Protein backbone atom coordinates (compact mmCIF):
# COMPACT_ATOMS: atom_id res chain seq x y z
CA MET A 1 0.08 0.00 0.00
CA THR A 2 2.93 2.32 0.63
CA GLY A 3 3.87 2.44 -3.20
CA VAL A 4 0.29 3.44 -4.07
CA ILE A 5 -0.04 6.04 -1.44
CA ARG A 6 3.41 7.55 -2.53
CA GLY A 7 2.27 7.22 -6.17
CA ARG A 8 -0.79 9.16 -5.68
CA PHE A 9 0.85 11.69 -3.34
CA CYS A 10 3.37 12.32 -6.10
CA GLU A 11 0.65 12.62 -8.64
CA LEU A 12 -1.64 14.95 -6.66
CA ILE A 13 1.48 17.27 -5.88
CA CYS A 14 2.24 17.48 -9.51
CA GLN A 15 -1.27 18.26 -10.50
CA ARG A 16 -1.72 20.78 -7.73
CA VAL A 17 1.40 22.73 -8.97
CA GLY A 18 0.47 22.29 -12.48
CA TRP A 19 3.63 20.42 -13.56
CA ARG A 20 3.18 17.87 -16.62
CA ILE A 21 6.05 16.27 -18.21
CA LEU A 22 5.37 14.59 -21.37
CA GLY A 23 5.72 10.89 -21.31
CA VAL A 24 6.00 10.91 -17.47
CA ASP A 25 3.34 9.54 -14.92
CA PRO A 26 4.25 11.08 -11.43
CA PHE A 27 2.44 8.09 -10.00
CA LEU A 28 5.18 5.65 -10.95
CA ILE A 29 7.67 7.43 -9.01
CA GLY A 30 6.11 6.56 -5.73
CA PHE A 31 4.98 3.19 -6.93
CA LEU A 32 8.13 2.16 -8.08
CA SER A 33 9.97 3.51 -4.84
CA VAL A 34 9.33 0.17 -2.98
CA LEU A 35 10.35 -2.05 -5.86
CA ASP A 36 13.64 -2.90 -4.01
CA ALA A 37 11.65 -3.94 -0.82
CA LEU A 38 9.36 -6.16 -2.89
CA LEU A 39 12.04 -7.88 -5.22
CA ASP A 40 14.98 -7.59 -2.40
CA GLN A 41 17.38 -5.96 -4.69
CA PRO A 42 19.05 -2.74 -4.64
CA LEU A 43 16.91 0.02 -6.37
CA PRO A 44 19.65 1.33 -8.51
CA GLN A 45 20.26 -2.12 -10.10
CA LEU A 46 16.37 -2.48 -10.71
CA LEU A 47 16.26 0.97 -12.16
CA ASP A 48 18.98 -0.01 -14.57
CA GLU A 49 17.07 -2.90 -15.69
CA LEU A 50 13.72 -1.04 -16.20
CA PRO A 51 12.47 0.58 -19.59
CA ILE A 52 11.26 3.60 -17.80
CA ALA A 53 11.60 7.33 -18.51
CA PRO A 54 14.85 8.91 -17.41
CA GLU A 55 13.00 11.57 -15.47
CA ILE A 56 11.75 8.71 -13.14
CA LYS A 57 15.00 6.94 -12.78
CA ASP A 58 16.62 10.52 -11.93
CA ALA A 59 13.91 11.17 -9.34
CA LEU A 60 14.34 7.75 -7.63
CA SER A 61 18.10 8.20 -7.88
CA GLY A 62 17.88 11.49 -5.71
CA ARG A 63 19.00 13.81 -8.40
CA PRO A 64 17.83 17.16 -7.92
CA THR A 65 15.23 17.61 -10.68
CA LEU A 66 11.55 18.55 -10.36
CA LEU A 67 10.32 15.33 -9.86
CA GLY A 68 13.07 14.50 -7.68
CA PHE A 69 11.96 17.35 -5.52
CA VAL A 70 8.49 15.94 -5.57
CA TYR A 71 9.64 12.45 -4.65
CA ASN A 72 11.84 13.90 -1.89
CA LEU A 73 8.95 15.64 -0.47
CA VAL A 74 6.75 12.60 -0.38
CA ILE A 75 9.64 10.83 1.60
CA ALA A 76 10.23 13.74 3.95
CA TYR A 77 6.62 14.21 4.89
CA GLU A 78 6.29 10.12 5.27
CA ARG A 79 9.18 10.56 7.75
CA ALA A 80 7.96 13.76 9.53
CA ASP A 81 11.05 15.57 8.64
CA TRP A 82 9.39 19.02 8.89
CA GLU A 83 12.36 20.78 8.16
CA ARG A 84 13.10 19.29 4.97
CA VAL A 85 9.35 19.42 4.18
CA SER A 86 9.34 23.14 4.30
CA GLU A 87 12.53 23.35 2.26
CA LEU A 88 11.15 21.03 -0.44
CA ILE A 89 7.48 22.79 -0.46
CA GLY A 90 9.25 25.97 -1.46
CA LYS A 91 11.16 24.14 -4.28
CA VAL A 92 7.93 22.78 -5.77
CA GLY A 93 5.98 25.85 -5.17
CA LEU A 94 3.31 24.22 -3.12
CA PRO A 95 1.61 26.04 -0.24
CA GLU A 96 2.41 24.53 3.04
CA GLY A 97 -1.00 24.05 4.36
CA GLU A 98 -2.06 21.89 1.37
CA VAL A 99 0.62 19.08 1.92
CA PRO A 100 -1.30 17.36 4.90
CA LEU A 101 -4.53 17.80 2.57
CA LEU A 102 -2.81 16.08 -0.38
CA TYR A 103 -1.52 13.33 1.94
CA ALA A 104 -5.06 12.61 3.37
CA GLU A 105 -6.44 12.73 0.01
CA ALA A 106 -3.64 9.99 -1.40
CA VAL A 107 -4.41 7.87 1.75
CA ALA A 108 -8.19 7.77 1.11
CA TRP A 109 -7.70 7.18 -2.48
CA ALA A 110 -5.47 4.07 -1.93
CA ASP A 111 -7.96 2.81 0.85
CA THR A 112 -10.77 3.08 -1.43
CA LEU A 113 -8.65 1.27 -4.21
CA PHE A 114 -7.83 -1.47 -1.83
CA ARG A 115 -11.31 -2.05 -0.47
CA GLN A 116 -12.47 -2.89 -4.06
CA ILE A 117 -10.13 -5.83 -4.26
CA PRO A 118 -11.84 -9.08 -3.14
CA LEU A 119 -10.19 -10.97 -0.44
């Protein structure tokens, strides 16, 4: 569920600030961020093997790109690193008060999604 919440959170942040990068789905950044834990392999190695957009690889590799700032904001919020959150919301141009709302929306969306899966 973590990857889905992160993915939706990345997507919502990009939508809110109006970032559209052709050929790149911000959801994939958050979704793929847990791939190393799922496959028990280092993320850099997995990224080298996947045919995904360079912008996604850059974001997940920690490079200082627009999508990298979004991904790092998601991770900082998840870890309650409020100093880093404040730094990164300035870089993405997101009003500070909206971050918790977007996170709550991402969690609710993921919860609805998973409730639809029959057990």
